[in-house]
Amino acid sequence: MEPIQPAVTPPVDPARIRAITRPSSSLLTVYILRSLALTLPSAFFGFPFVFVPLLLKYITLAYRFEDDAVVINWGLLFRRETIVPYARIQDIHLTRTFLERWFGIGTVEIQTASSTRGAAESLLGLKDDEAVRDFLYQRMRGNEPVAAEAKPAPVSTDDPREILVAIRDELRAARAAVEAR
């Protein structure tokens, strides 16, 4: 009988996540299609009024993943900078509309302990949205990913003594890992 392995979030390369500084260009295409869909009944007269604010947001939107927080900047006339410390993150949601799925992007919504309803901040137009979500989960928990080689080898024997020795060794390794932190 094989031992049950705990579910571990796959390791995410922090350098790959920190390299994300802007949304994907596919987000601009999604904004154009949304604007066209919203202004279709008015024969495109309202298109500039709907699209220009989205275009300005896309142009100025920037992300920065620091050691202790994620920073989101956007705005042209009224500049907005939001700093969300990893320790304050309560929950993370991954959302994708039909158009976002079609273009291979997603939105990572971050919730904090504030009293507001809904997401505190959103990381829009990410190609690696699942990797960003996993990175944020690891940071909010204060965990570093568990390396694959750190997992103990499964015991393939029917001898109860060897199984007990393997359990003892796993507990010692877990205690040493907890004390090292």
Foldseek 3Di string as FASTA:
>chain_A
DWDDDDDFQDAFDVVVVQVAWAADPLVLVVLQVVLCVVCVVVVCPCSCVRRVVVVQFRVAWTWGDDPFWIWIWGDDPDIDIDTGGLQFWDDKDKDADPSCVVVQFIKIFTDGPDPDPGGPDIDPRHNPNVSVRSVSVCNNVVHHGDDPVLDDDIDDDPDVVVVVVSVVVVVVSVVVVVVVD
